PDB file of N, CA and C in Angstrom:
ATOM      1  N   UNK A   1      16.267  24.614  89.782  1.00  0.00           N
ATOM      2  CA  UNK A   1      15.867  24.874  91.146  1.00  0.00           C
ATOM      3  C   UNK A   1      16.950  25.741  91.795  1.00  0.00           C
ATOM      4  N   UNK A   2      16.589  26.847  92.436  1.00  0.00           N
ATOM      5  CA  UNK A   2      17.583  27.745  93.023  1.00  0.00           C
ATOM      6  C   UNK A   2      18.200  27.159  94.285  1.00  0.00           C
ATOM      7  N   UNK A   3      19.377  27.652  94.605  1.00  0.00           N
ATOM      8  CA  UNK A   3      20.067  27.245  95.828  1.00  0.00           C
ATOM      9  C   UNK A   3      19.503  28.060  96.976  1.00  0.00           C
ATOM     10  N   UNK A   4      19.017  27.401  97.996  1.00  0.00           N
ATOM     11  CA  UNK A   4      18.387  28.066  99.130  1.00  0.00           C
ATOM     12  C   UNK A   4      19.423  28.375 100.197  1.00  0.00           C
ATOM     13  N   UNK A   5      19.611  29.652 100.475  1.00  0.00           N
ATOM     14  CA  UNK A   5      20.533  30.082 101.527  1.00  0.00           C
ATOM     15  C   UNK A   5      19.780  31.058 102.402  1.00  0.00           C
ATOM     16  N   UNK A   6      19.643  30.720 103.685  1.00  0.00           N
ATOM     17  CA  UNK A   6      18.931  31.616 104.597  1.00  0.00           C
ATOM     18  C   UNK A   6      19.874  32.119 105.664  1.00  0.00           C
ATOM     19  N   UNK A   7      19.476  33.178 106.315  1.00  0.00           N
ATOM     20  CA  UNK A   7      20.267  33.750 107.409  1.00  0.00           C
ATOM     21  C   UNK A   7      19.817  33.197 108.757  1.00  0.00           C
ATOM     22  N   UNK A   8      18.809  32.355 108.759  1.00  0.00           N
ATOM     23  CA  UNK A   8      18.195  31.941 110.015  1.00  0.00           C
ATOM     24  C   UNK A   8      18.593  30.549 110.475  1.00  0.00           C
ATOM     25  N   UNK A   9      19.480  29.905 109.779  1.00  0.00           N
ATOM     26  CA  UNK A   9      19.884  28.566 110.190  1.00  0.00           C
ATOM     27  C   UNK A   9      21.374  28.529 110.441  1.00  0.00           C
ATOM     28  N   UNK A  10      21.794  27.727 111.418  1.00  0.00           N
ATOM     29  CA  UNK A  10      23.223  27.605 111.682  1.00  0.00           C
ATOM     30  C   UNK A  10      23.879  26.709 110.638  1.00  0.00           C
ATOM     31  N   UNK A  11      23.169  25.698 110.158  1.00  0.00           N
ATOM     32  CA  UNK A  11      23.628  24.876 109.041  1.00  0.00           C
ATOM     33  C   UNK A  11      22.629  25.062 107.913  1.00  0.00           C
ATOM     34  N   UNK A  12      23.157  25.371 106.768  1.00  0.00           N
ATOM     35  CA  UNK A  12      22.301  25.690 105.632  1.00  0.00           C
ATOM     36  C   UNK A  12      22.090  24.461 104.777  1.00  0.00           C
ATOM     37  N   UNK A  13      20.844  24.204 104.425  1.00  0.00           N
ATOM     38  CA  UNK A  13      20.562  23.160 103.459  1.00  0.00           C
ATOM     39  C   UNK A  13      20.585  23.825 102.093  1.00  0.00           C
ATOM     40  N   UNK A  14      21.417  23.319 101.219  1.00  0.00           N
ATOM     41  CA  UNK A  14      21.579  23.920  99.908  1.00  0.00           C
ATOM     42  C   UNK A  14      21.332  22.876  98.835  1.00  0.00           C
ATOM     43  N   UNK A  15      20.737  23.283  97.781  1.00  0.00           N
ATOM     44  CA  UNK A  15      20.607  22.411  96.622  1.00  0.00           C
ATOM     45  C   UNK A  15      21.729  22.773  95.676  1.00  0.00           C
ATOM     46  N   UNK A  16      22.621  21.843  95.462  1.00  0.00           N
ATOM     47  CA  UNK A  16      23.816  22.073  94.670  1.00  0.00           C
ATOM     48  C   UNK A  16      23.571  21.526  93.279  1.00  0.00           C
ATOM     49  N   UNK A  17      23.689  22.340  92.283  1.00  0.00           N
ATOM     50  CA  UNK A  17      23.526  21.858  90.928  1.00  0.00           C
ATOM     51  C   UNK A  17      24.888  21.521  90.357  1.00  0.00           C
ATOM     52  N   UNK A  18      25.074  20.266  89.983  1.00  0.00           N
ATOM     53  CA  UNK A  18      26.339  19.807  89.445  1.00  0.00           C
ATOM     54  C   UNK A  18      26.148  19.438  87.974  1.00  0.00           C
ATOM     55  N   UNK A  19      27.167  19.712  87.177  1.00  0.00           N
ATOM     56  CA  UNK A  19      27.123  19.332  85.784  1.00  0.00           C
ATOM     57  C   UNK A  19      27.666  17.926  85.628  1.00  0.00           C
ATOM     58  N   UNK A  20      26.919  17.078  84.963  1.00  0.00           N
ATOM     59  CA  UNK A  20      27.366  15.725  84.668  1.00  0.00           C
ATOM     60  C   UNK A  20      27.557  15.628  83.156  1.00  0.00           C
ATOM     61  N   UNK A  21      27.936  14.462  82.679  1.00  0.00           N
ATOM     62  CA  UNK A  21      28.090  14.284  81.238  1.00  0.00           C
ATOM     63  C   UNK A  21      26.774  14.596  80.541  1.00  0.00           C
ATOM     64  N   UNK A  22      26.858  15.070  79.325  1.00  0.00           N
ATOM     65  CA  UNK A  22      25.687  15.449  78.528  1.00  0.00           C
ATOM     66  C   UNK A  22      24.942  16.626  79.120  1.00  0.00           C
ATOM     67  N   UNK A  23      25.596  17.401  79.943  1.00  0.00           N
ATOM     68  CA  UNK A  23      25.050  18.591  80.594  1.00  0.00           C
ATOM     69  C   UNK A  23      23.767  18.334  81.372  1.00  0.00           C
ATOM     70  N   UNK A  24      23.591  17.107  81.853  1.00  0.00           N
ATOM     71  CA  UNK A  24      22.456  16.816  82.725  1.00  0.00           C
ATOM     72  C   UNK A  24      22.718  17.463  84.073  1.00  0.00           C
ATOM     73  N   UNK A  25      21.700  18.049  84.663  1.00  0.00           N
ATOM     74  CA  UNK A  25      21.840  18.677  85.972  1.00  0.00           C
ATOM     75  C   UNK A  25      21.302  17.725  87.017  1.00  0.00           C
ATOM     76  N   UNK A  26      21.990  17.679  88.144  1.00  0.00           N
ATOM     77  CA  UNK A  26      21.541  16.838  89.243  1.00  0.00           C
ATOM     78  C   UNK A  26      21.520  17.687  90.508  1.00  0.00           C
ATOM     79  N   UNK A  27      20.561  17.437  91.358  1.00  0.00           N
ATOM     80  CA  UNK A  27      20.467  18.139  92.628  1.00  0.00           C
ATOM     81  C   UNK A  27      21.127  17.296  93.708  1.00  0.00           C
ATOM     82  N   UNK A  28      21.839  17.987  94.603  1.00  0.00           N
ATOM     83  CA  UNK A  28      22.482  17.321  95.725  1.00  0.00           C
ATOM     84  C   UNK A  28      22.276  18.207  96.942  1.00  0.00           C
ATOM     85  N   UNK A  29      21.855  17.621  98.017  1.00  0.00           N
ATOM     86  CA  UNK A  29      21.653  18.382  99.239  1.00  0.00           C
ATOM     87  C   UNK A  29      22.934  18.350 100.059  1.00  0.00           C
ATOM     88  N   UNK A  30      23.384  19.532 100.491  1.00  0.00           N
ATOM     89  CA  UNK A  30      24.601  19.636 101.294  1.00  0.00           C
ATOM     90  C   UNK A  30      24.352  20.580 102.460  1.00  0.00           C
ATOM     91  N   UNK A  31      25.202  20.462 103.472  1.00  0.00           N
ATOM     92  CA  UNK A  31      25.128  21.350 104.618  1.00  0.00           C
ATOM     93  C   UNK A  31      26.355  22.256 104.590  1.00  0.00           C
ATOM     94  N   UNK A  32      26.145  23.561 104.703  1.00  0.00           N
ATOM     95  CA  UNK A  32      27.244  24.515 104.786  1.00  0.00           C
ATOM     96  C   UNK A  32      27.415  24.946 106.238  1.00  0.00           C
ATOM     97  N   UNK A  33      28.651  25.217 106.618  1.00  0.00           N
ATOM     98  CA  UNK A  33      28.889  25.759 107.953  1.00  0.00           C
ATOM     99  C   UNK A  33      28.446  27.221 107.944  1.00  0.00           C
ATOM    100  N   UNK A  34      28.253  27.816 109.108  1.00  0.00           N
ATOM    101  CA  UNK A  34      27.883  29.238 109.142  1.00  0.00           C
ATOM    102  C   UNK A  34      28.911  30.127 108.425  1.00  0.00           C
ATOM    103  N   UNK A  35      30.200  29.792 108.566  1.00  0.00           N
ATOM    104  CA  UNK A  35      31.233  30.576 107.877  1.00  0.00           C
ATOM    105  C   UNK A  35      31.122  30.441 106.363  1.00  0.00           C
ATOM    106  N   UNK A  36      30.849  29.222 105.893  1.00  0.00           N
ATOM    107  CA  UNK A  36      30.687  29.012 104.454  1.00  0.00           C
ATOM    108  C   UNK A  36      29.459  29.759 103.931  1.00  0.00           C
ATOM    109  N   UNK A  37      28.387  29.698 104.699  1.00  0.00           N
ATOM    110  CA  UNK A  37      27.167  30.413 104.322  1.00  0.00           C
ATOM    111  C   UNK A  37      27.436  31.914 104.212  1.00  0.00           C
ATOM    112  N   UNK A  38      28.125  32.457 105.207  1.00  0.00           N
ATOM    113  CA  UNK A  38      28.436  33.887 105.198  1.00  0.00           C
ATOM    114  C   UNK A  38      29.327  34.238 104.021  1.00  0.00           C
ATOM    115  N   UNK A  39      30.266  33.368 103.700  1.00  0.00           N
ATOM    116  CA  UNK A  39      31.171  33.595 102.576  1.00  0.00           C
ATOM    117  C   UNK A  39      30.390  33.660 101.262  1.00  0.00           C
ATOM    118  N   UNK A  40      29.463  32.732 101.074  1.00  0.00           N
ATOM    119  CA  UNK A  40      28.630  32.717  99.863  1.00  0.00           C
ATOM    120  C   UNK A  40      27.755  33.963  99.811  1.00  0.00           C
ATOM    121  N   UNK A  41      27.127  34.302 100.921  1.00  0.00           N
ATOM    122  CA  UNK A  41      26.256  35.478 100.957  1.00  0.00           C
ATOM    123  C   UNK A  41      27.039  36.754 100.671  1.00  0.00           C
ATOM    124  N   UNK A  42      28.255  36.852 101.184  1.00  0.00           N
ATOM    125  CA  UNK A  42      29.088  38.036 100.945  1.00  0.00           C
ATOM    126  C   UNK A  42      29.442  38.141  99.459  1.00  0.00           C
ATOM    127  N   UNK A  43      29.737  37.007  98.823  1.00  0.00           N
ATOM    128  CA  UNK A  43      30.076  37.018  97.399  1.00  0.00           C
ATOM    129  C   UNK A  43      28.893  37.470  96.558  1.00  0.00           C
ATOM    130  N   UNK A  44      27.702  37.042  96.937  1.00  0.00           N
ATOM    131  CA  UNK A  44      26.495  37.454  96.200  1.00  0.00           C
ATOM    132  C   UNK A  44      26.196  38.931  96.466  1.00  0.00           C
ATOM    133  N   UNK A  45      26.285  39.347  97.728  1.00  0.00           N
ATOM    134  CA  UNK A  45      25.992  40.743  98.090  1.00  0.00           C
ATOM    135  C   UNK A  45      26.952  41.717  97.413  1.00  0.00           C
ATOM    136  N   UNK A  46      28.203  41.292  97.219  1.00  0.00           N
ATOM    137  CA  UNK A  46      29.190  42.176  96.588  1.00  0.00           C
ATOM    138  C   UNK A  46      29.011  42.267  95.070  1.00  0.00           C
ATOM    139  N   UNK A  47      28.162  41.393  94.534  1.00  0.00           N
ATOM    140  CA  UNK A  47      27.955  41.395  93.088  1.00  0.00           C
ATOM    141  C   UNK A  47      28.911  40.475  92.333  1.00  0.00           C
ATOM    142  N   UNK A  48      29.765  39.791  93.063  1.00  0.00           N
ATOM    143  CA  UNK A  48      30.713  38.873  92.417  1.00  0.00           C
ATOM    144  C   UNK A  48      29.974  37.752  91.712  1.00  0.00           C
ATOM    145  N   UNK A  49      28.885  37.296  92.309  1.00  0.00           N
ATOM    146  CA  UNK A  49      28.051  36.251  91.723  1.00  0.00           C
ATOM    147  C   UNK A  49      26.597  36.713  91.741  1.00  0.00           C
ATOM    148  N   UNK A  50      25.825  36.301  90.739  1.00  0.00           N
ATOM    149  CA  UNK A  50      24.415  36.709  90.708  1.00  0.00           C
ATOM    150  C   UNK A  50      23.547  35.958  91.704  1.00  0.00           C
ATOM    151  N   UNK A  51      24.022  34.790  92.148  1.00  0.00           N
ATOM    152  CA  UNK A  51      23.236  33.989  93.076  1.00  0.00           C
ATOM    153  C   UNK A  51      24.152  33.063  93.864  1.00  0.00           C
ATOM    154  N   UNK A  52      23.605  32.521  94.948  1.00  0.00           N
ATOM    155  CA  UNK A  52      24.357  31.556  95.741  1.00  0.00           C
ATOM    156  C   UNK A  52      24.649  30.314  94.910  1.00  0.00           C
ATOM    157  N   UNK A  53      23.704  29.923  94.079  1.00  0.00           N
ATOM    158  CA  UNK A  53      23.895  28.762  93.211  1.00  0.00           C
ATOM    159  C   UNK A  53      25.102  28.971  92.291  1.00  0.00           C
ATOM    160  N   UNK A  54      25.224  30.152  91.719  1.00  0.00           N
ATOM    161  CA  UNK A  54      26.346  30.445  90.826  1.00  0.00           C
ATOM    162  C   UNK A  54      27.672  30.415  91.583  1.00  0.00           C
ATOM    163  N   UNK A  55      27.680  30.905  92.826  1.00  0.00           N
ATOM    164  CA  UNK A  55      28.901  30.901  93.635  1.00  0.00           C
ATOM    165  C   UNK A  55      29.336  29.474  93.945  1.00  0.00           C
ATOM    166  N   UNK A  56      28.389  28.641  94.338  1.00  0.00           N
ATOM    167  CA  UNK A  56      28.711  27.255  94.667  1.00  0.00           C
ATOM    168  C   UNK A  56      29.114  26.491  93.412  1.00  0.00           C
ATOM    169  N   UNK A  57      28.443  26.749  92.303  1.00  0.00           N
ATOM    170  CA  UNK A  57      28.795  26.088  91.040  1.00  0.00           C
ATOM    171  C   UNK A  57      30.228  26.447  90.641  1.00  0.00           C
ATOM    172  N   UNK A  58      30.608  27.717  90.803  1.00  0.00           N
ATOM    173  CA  UNK A  58      31.970  28.143  90.475  1.00  0.00           C
ATOM    174  C   UNK A  58      32.975  27.475  91.408  1.00  0.00           C
ATOM    175  N   UNK A  59      32.648  27.390  92.680  1.00  0.00           N
ATOM    176  CA  UNK A  59      33.540  26.727  93.639  1.00  0.00           C
ATOM    177  C   UNK A  59      33.745  25.266  93.260  1.00  0.00           C
ATOM    178  N   UNK A  60      32.684  24.603  92.862  1.00  0.00           N
ATOM    179  CA  UNK A  60      32.793  23.201  92.458  1.00  0.00           C
ATOM    180  C   UNK A  60      33.634  23.064  91.185  1.00  0.00           C
ATOM    181  N   UNK A  61      33.458  23.974  90.243  1.00  0.00           N
ATOM    182  CA  UNK A  61      34.244  23.925  89.005  1.00  0.00           C
ATOM    183  C   UNK A  61      35.729  24.125  89.299  1.00  0.00           C
ATOM    184  N   UNK A  62      36.024  25.054  90.211  1.00  0.00           N
ATOM    185  CA  UNK A  62      37.429  25.285  90.582  1.00  0.00           C
ATOM    186  C   UNK A  62      38.012  24.066  91.301  1.00  0.00           C
ATOM    187  N   UNK A  63      37.234  23.442  92.141  1.00  0.00           N
ATOM    188  CA  UNK A  63      37.688  22.241  92.832  1.00  0.00           C
ATOM    189  C   UNK A  63      37.962  21.130  91.814  1.00  0.00           C
ATOM    190  N   UNK A  64      37.043  20.974  90.875  1.00  0.00           N
ATOM    191  CA  UNK A  64      37.215  19.955  89.838  1.00  0.00           C
ATOM    192  C   UNK A  64      38.479  20.220  89.021  1.00  0.00           C
ATOM    193  N   UNK A  65      38.707  21.481  88.646  1.00  0.00           N
ATOM    194  CA  UNK A  65      39.925  21.834  87.906  1.00  0.00           C
ATOM    195  C   UNK A  65      41.172  21.509  88.728  1.00  0.00           C
ATOM    196  N   UNK A  66      41.132  21.829  90.005  1.00  0.00           N
ATOM    197  CA  UNK A  66      42.264  21.540  90.881  1.00  0.00           C
ATOM    198  C   UNK A  66      42.534  20.044  90.992  1.00  0.00           C
ATOM    199  N   UNK A  67      41.483  19.267  91.114  1.00  0.00           N
ATOM    200  CA  UNK A  67      41.638  17.817  91.192  1.00  0.00           C
ATOM    201  C   UNK A  67      42.182  17.255  89.887  1.00  0.00           C
ATOM    202  N   UNK A  68      41.700  17.780  88.770  1.00  0.00           N
ATOM    203  CA  UNK A  68      42.199  17.337  87.468  1.00  0.00           C
ATOM    204  C   UNK A  68      43.688  17.655  87.343  1.00  0.00           C
ATOM    205  N   UNK A  69      44.090  18.846  87.761  1.00  0.00           N
ATOM    206  CA  UNK A  69      45.502  19.231  87.721  1.00  0.00           C
ATOM    207  C   UNK A  69      46.340  18.346  88.635  1.00  0.00           C
ATOM    208  N   UNK A  70      45.805  18.026  89.800  1.00  0.00           N
ATOM    209  CA  UNK A  70      46.516  17.171  90.746  1.00  0.00           C
ATOM    210  C   UNK A  70      46.749  15.786  90.154  1.00  0.00           C
ATOM    211  N   UNK A  71      45.726  15.230  89.517  1.00  0.00           N
ATOM    212  CA  UNK A  71      45.848  13.910  88.901  1.00  0.00           C
ATOM    213  C   UNK A  71      46.876  13.941  87.764  1.00  0.00           C
ATOM    214  N   UNK A  72      46.846  15.007  86.962  1.00  0.00           N
ATOM    215  CA  UNK A  72      47.817  15.141  85.877  1.00  0.00           C
ATOM    216  C   UNK A  72      49.238  15.245  86.422  1.00  0.00           C
ATOM    217  N   UNK A  73      49.427  15.985  87.498  1.00  0.00           N
ATOM    218  CA  UNK A  73      50.741  16.123  88.106  1.00  0.00           C
ATOM    219  C   UNK A  73      51.233  14.783  88.645  1.00  0.00           C
ATOM    220  N   UNK A  74      50.359  14.047  89.327  1.00  0.00           N
ATOM    221  CA  UNK A  74      50.751  12.743  89.850  1.00  0.00           C
ATOM    222  C   UNK A  74      51.129  11.787  88.717  1.00  0.00           C
ATOM    223  N   UNK A  75      50.388  11.833  87.612  1.00  0.00           N
ATOM    224  CA  UNK A  75      50.720  10.982  86.464  1.00  0.00           C
ATOM    225  C   UNK A  75      52.070  11.374  85.878  1.00  0.00           C
ATOM    226  N   UNK A  76      52.345  12.668  85.792  1.00  0.00           N
ATOM    227  CA  UNK A  76      53.639  13.135  85.269  1.00  0.00           C
ATOM    228  C   UNK A  76      54.775  12.706  86.194  1.00  0.00           C
ATOM    229  N   UNK A  77      54.542  12.772  87.502  1.00  0.00           N
ATOM    230  CA  UNK A  77      55.567  12.330  88.454  1.00  0.00           C
ATOM    231  C   UNK A  77      55.817  10.827  88.340  1.00  0.00           C
ATOM    232  N   UNK A  78      54.750  10.054  88.165  1.00  0.00           N
ATOM    233  CA  UNK A  78      54.905   8.612  87.967  1.00  0.00           C
ATOM    234  C   UNK A  78      55.702   8.320  86.698  1.00  0.00           C
ATOM    235  N   UNK A  79      55.404   9.054  85.641  1.00  0.00           N
ATOM    236  CA  UNK A  79      56.116   8.885  84.374  1.00  0.00           C
ATOM    237  C   UNK A  79      57.596   9.248  84.532  1.00  0.00           C
ATOM    238  N   UNK A  80      57.870  10.341  85.243  1.00  0.00           N
ATOM    239  CA  UNK A  80      59.250  10.754  85.461  1.00  0.00           C
ATOM    240  C   UNK A  80      60.000   9.721  86.299  1.00  0.00           C
ATOM    241  N   UNK A  81      59.338   9.188  87.306  1.00  0.00           N
ATOM    242  CA  UNK A  81      59.967   8.165  88.138  1.00  0.00           C
ATOM    243  C   UNK A  81      60.283   6.913  87.321  1.00  0.00           C
ATOM    244  N   UNK A  82      59.357   6.535  86.443  1.00  0.00           N
ATOM    245  CA  UNK A  82      59.597   5.376  85.574  1.00  0.00           C
ATOM    246  C   UNK A  82      60.763   5.641  84.630  1.00  0.00           C
ATOM    247  N   UNK A  83      60.854   6.862  84.101  1.00  0.00           N
ATOM    248  CA  UNK A  83      61.981   7.222  83.228  1.00  0.00           C
ATOM    249  C   UNK A  83      63.301   7.122  83.976  1.00  0.00           C
ATOM    250  N   UNK A  84      63.317   7.577  85.226  1.00  0.00           N
ATOM    251  CA  UNK A  84      64.537   7.490  86.024  1.00  0.00           C
ATOM    252  C   UNK A  84      64.938   6.036  86.266  1.00  0.00           C
ATOM    253  N   UNK A  85      63.956   5.209  86.592  1.00  0.00           N
ATOM    254  CA  UNK A  85      64.245   3.797  86.857  1.00  0.00           C
ATOM    255  C   UNK A  85      64.772   3.078  85.622  1.00  0.00           C
ATOM    256  N   UNK A  86      64.285   3.477  84.455  1.00  0.00           N
ATOM    257  CA  UNK A  86      64.721   2.818  83.218  1.00  0.00           C
ATOM    258  C   UNK A  86      65.871   3.559  82.543  1.00  0.00           C
ATOM    259  N   UNK A  87      66.430   4.549  83.222  1.00  0.00           N
ATOM    260  CA  UNK A  87      67.571   5.343  82.720  1.00  0.00           C
ATOM    261  C   UNK A  87      67.240   6.059  81.406  1.00  0.00           C
ATOM    262  N   UNK A  88      65.982   6.466  81.250  1.00  0.00           N
ATOM    263  CA  UNK A  88      65.566   7.223  80.071  1.00  0.00           C
ATOM    264  C   UNK A  88      65.470   8.701  80.431  1.00  0.00           C
ATOM    265  N   UNK A  89      66.618   9.332  80.558  1.00  0.00           N
ATOM    266  CA  UNK A  89      66.659  10.748  80.889  1.00  0.00           C
ATOM    267  C   UNK A  89      67.948  11.339  80.346  1.00  0.00           C
ATOM    268  N   UNK A  90      68.016  12.647  80.331  1.00  0.00           N
ATOM    269  CA  UNK A  90      69.210  13.360  79.878  1.00  0.00           C
ATOM    270  C   UNK A  90      69.765  14.168  81.034  1.00  0.00           C
ATOM    271  N   UNK A  91      71.082  14.135  81.155  1.00  0.00           N
ATOM    272  CA  UNK A  91      71.762  14.965  82.148  1.00  0.00           C
ATOM    273  C   UNK A  91      72.112  16.298  81.514  1.00  0.00           C
ATOM    274  N   UNK A  92      71.882  17.374  82.241  1.00  0.00           N
ATOM    275  CA  UNK A  92      72.247  18.700  81.763  1.00  0.00           C
ATOM    276  C   UNK A  92      73.247  19.309  82.729  1.00  0.00           C
ATOM    277  N   UNK A  93      74.213  19.999  82.189  1.00  0.00           N
ATOM    278  CA  UNK A  93      75.211  20.702  82.989  1.00  0.00           C
ATOM    279  C   UNK A  93      75.065  22.184  82.707  1.00  0.00           C
ATOM    280  N   UNK A  94      75.862  22.989  83.391  1.00  0.00           N
ATOM    281  CA  UNK A  94      75.822  24.425  83.121  1.00  0.00           C
ATOM    282  C   UNK A  94      76.109  24.715  81.654  1.00  0.00           C
ATOM    283  N   UNK A  95      76.964  23.930  81.055  1.00  0.00           N
ATOM    284  CA  UNK A  95      77.320  24.146  79.648  1.00  0.00           C
ATOM    285  C   UNK A  95      76.174  23.790  78.712  1.00  0.00           C
ATOM    286  N   UNK A  96      75.321  22.830  79.108  1.00  0.00           N
ATOM    287  CA  UNK A  96      74.244  22.399  78.213  1.00  0.00           C
ATOM    288  C   UNK A  96      72.878  22.974  78.585  1.00  0.00           C
ATOM    289  N   UNK A  97      72.812  23.804  79.624  1.00  0.00           N
ATOM    290  CA  UNK A  97      71.532  24.416  80.006  1.00  0.00           C
ATOM    291  C   UNK A  97      70.917  25.251  78.885  1.00  0.00           C
ATOM    292  N   UNK A  98      71.706  25.991  78.094  1.00  0.00           N
ATOM    293  CA  UNK A  98      71.093  26.717  76.980  1.00  0.00           C
ATOM    294  C   UNK A  98      70.384  25.773  75.997  1.00  0.00           C
ATOM    295  N   UNK A  99      70.931  24.585  75.802  1.00  0.00           N
ATOM    296  CA  UNK A  99      70.292  23.595  74.929  1.00  0.00           C
ATOM    297  C   UNK A  99      68.933  23.185  75.514  1.00  0.00           C
ATOM    298  N   UNK A 100      68.908  22.959  76.815  1.00  0.00           N
ATOM    299  CA  UNK A 100      67.654  22.608  77.483  1.00  0.00           C
ATOM    300  C   UNK A 100      66.633  23.724  77.314  1.00  0.00           C
ATOM    301  N   UNK A 101      67.065  24.968  77.504  1.00  0.00           N
ATOM    302  CA  UNK A 101      66.155  26.107  77.351  1.00  0.00           C
ATOM    303  C   UNK A 101      65.588  26.143  75.942  1.00  0.00           C
ATOM    304  N   UNK A 102      66.419  25.918  74.941  1.00  0.00           N
ATOM    305  CA  UNK A 102      65.948  25.908  73.547  1.00  0.00           C
ATOM    306  C   UNK A 102      64.940  24.787  73.319  1.00  0.00           C
ATOM    307  N   UNK A 103      65.223  23.608  73.873  1.00  0.00           N
ATOM    308  CA  UNK A 103      64.297  22.479  73.720  1.00  0.00           C
ATOM    309  C   UNK A 103      62.946  22.783  74.370  1.00  0.00           C
ATOM    310  N   UNK A 104      62.968  23.373  75.544  1.00  0.00           N
ATOM    311  CA  UNK A 104      61.725  23.708  76.243  1.00  0.00           C
ATOM    312  C   UNK A 104      60.934  24.779  75.499  1.00  0.00           C
ATOM    313  N   UNK A 105      61.616  25.769  74.968  1.00  0.00           N
ATOM    314  CA  UNK A 105      60.940  26.805  74.179  1.00  0.00           C
ATOM    315  C   UNK A 105      60.293  26.198  72.950  1.00  0.00           C
ATOM    316  N   UNK A 106      61.034  25.305  72.273  1.00  0.00           N
ATOM    317  CA  UNK A 106      60.502  24.656  71.075  1.00  0.00           C
ATOM    318  C   UNK A 106      59.249  23.842  71.416  1.00  0.00           C
ATOM    319  N   UNK A 107      59.336  23.083  72.514  1.00  0.00           N
ATOM    320  CA  UNK A 107      58.193  22.277  72.939  1.00  0.00           C
ATOM    321  C   UNK A 107      56.995  23.160  73.283  1.00  0.00           C
ATOM    322  N   UNK A 108      57.224  24.264  73.987  1.00  0.00           N
ATOM    323  CA  UNK A 108      56.145  25.180  74.348  1.00  0.00           C
ATOM    324  C   UNK A 108      55.499  25.788  73.111  1.00  0.00           C
ATOM    325  N   UNK A 109      56.316  26.157  72.138  1.00  0.00           N
ATOM    326  CA  UNK A 109      55.763  26.730  70.894  1.00  0.00           C
ATOM    327  C   UNK A 109      54.934  25.680  70.148  1.00  0.00           C
ATOM    328  N   UNK A 110      55.405  24.456  70.130  1.00  0.00           N
ATOM    329  CA  UNK A 110      54.656  23.388  69.462  1.00  0.00           C
ATOM    330  C   UNK A 110      53.297  23.197  70.118  1.00  0.00           C
ATOM    331  N   UNK A 111      53.277  23.181  71.446  1.00  0.00           N
ATOM    332  CA  UNK A 111      52.014  23.004  72.162  1.00  0.00           C
ATOM    333  C   UNK A 111      51.081  24.189  71.936  1.00  0.00           C
ATOM    334  N   UNK A 112      51.661  25.389  71.878  1.00  0.00           N
ATOM    335  CA  UNK A 112      50.845  26.590  71.649  1.00  0.00           C
ATOM    336  C   UNK A 112      50.262  26.587  70.235  1.00  0.00           C
ATOM    337  N   UNK A 113      51.087  26.239  69.252  1.00  0.00           N
ATOM    338  CA  UNK A 113      50.666  26.324  67.868  1.00  0.00           C
ATOM    339  C   UNK A 113      49.862  25.122  67.390  1.00  0.00           C
ATOM    340  N   UNK A 114      50.000  23.998  68.081  1.00  0.00           N
ATOM    341  CA  UNK A 114      49.299  22.760  67.692  1.00  0.00           C
ATOM    342  C   UNK A 114      48.690  22.099  68.927  1.00  0.00           C
ATOM    343  N   UNK A 115      47.642  22.733  69.468  1.00  0.00           N
ATOM    344  CA  UNK A 115      47.057  22.189  70.710  1.00  0.00           C
ATOM    345  C   UNK A 115      46.433  20.818  70.550  1.00  0.00           C
TER     346      UNK A 115
END
């Protein structure tokens, strides 16, 4: 079902297609502000997106990615805080910074080569 965006309403009723597990599609009705509606219409008119539905779907995917990154960052911060509390960390000085750089490069290469 296409996303309905009109120029004649101050609040737009849109059918938002969201991806759920198993690639099932679900419809959700949302209201866009006039500025949001204009933003979506401009993106479609410029050719950036083939349809309003595609623009909104991309926005939702980016939001989901951002939320996933935020959760991962918070988990990493919690882990780092726990390491500090349990004294499981290494101190680096100016003299040992090259060692840290080598360790980080090695770790990055491992992640790149063995995802």
